[in-house]
Amino acid sequence: MQFTHEHLEIQKTLKRFIDAEINPHVDEWEAAEIFPAHEVFKKLGNLGLLGVTKPEAYGGMGLDYSYGMAMAETLGYVDCGGVPMAIGVQTDMCTPALARFGSEELKKEFLVPAIAGDAVGCIGVSEPGAGSDVSAITSRARKDGDDYVITGQKMWITNSLQADWMCMLVNTGDGPAHKNKSLVMVPLRDNGKLRKGIEVAQQDQENRHALQRHRADLFRRSACAAT
């Protein structure tokens, strides 16, 4: 396809941001083995770049996915692998299902601040015994009054060391493995502190992407509201 003037303007805006706000700091972030996700995401949110394809009603631009591709292409100018991966998780992994299928309440609570850059999200699918075989996950959510009580483990979760919430795949029924699963929005932190019942362990790997650590999120027993 041919990019239009509007596509190119989004790319120019993002490229200027990368040159001014990301690449000058990459060496420092590499040394620290973490980057300030909330700071970077807020600046991206102020530019409207975290909601390019999301509905205008929730702060997005409401553009088609070709504009998301233009943005993804431009992220290739970042001088490391971890930061563009983290941004991609925010825009294209943990928020699409929320934007399409989430209730109005969930969109207001989780999607709006994610688009604005006020919250960092992550998606929890992989587990110690289930990576590419998603049907093998064992994390489970059971209804307990107005709450879901979640038990289980998630691993290799990009953004998890800083995320405010997780869009988490869990078993919610006893039916066939390909039909008994749901995505549940799980708040992880309040004011930067982990919520009760959630533990986050950290595992460094020799061959990790730049600025990306392999993480294990341990959900021993976490309650979240059912909406």
Foldseek 3Di string as FASTA:
>chain_A
DDDDPVLVVLLVVVLVCLVPPAQVCQVVLLVVLADDQLVSLLVCLVVQNLAACFDVVLPHVVDDCVSVVSNLVSVVPHPFDQPSVQSCQLRPNFPPCCRVPNDPVSCNVPVSCSSNSNFREWEFQAAPVDDPNSLPAAWAWEDDPQKTKIFHKGKQIRPVQQGQWYQYKHFYDDDRSVPRIDTDIGGQDDPRHGDPQKDKDWDADPPDTRSGTMIMIGRHIGMDGDD
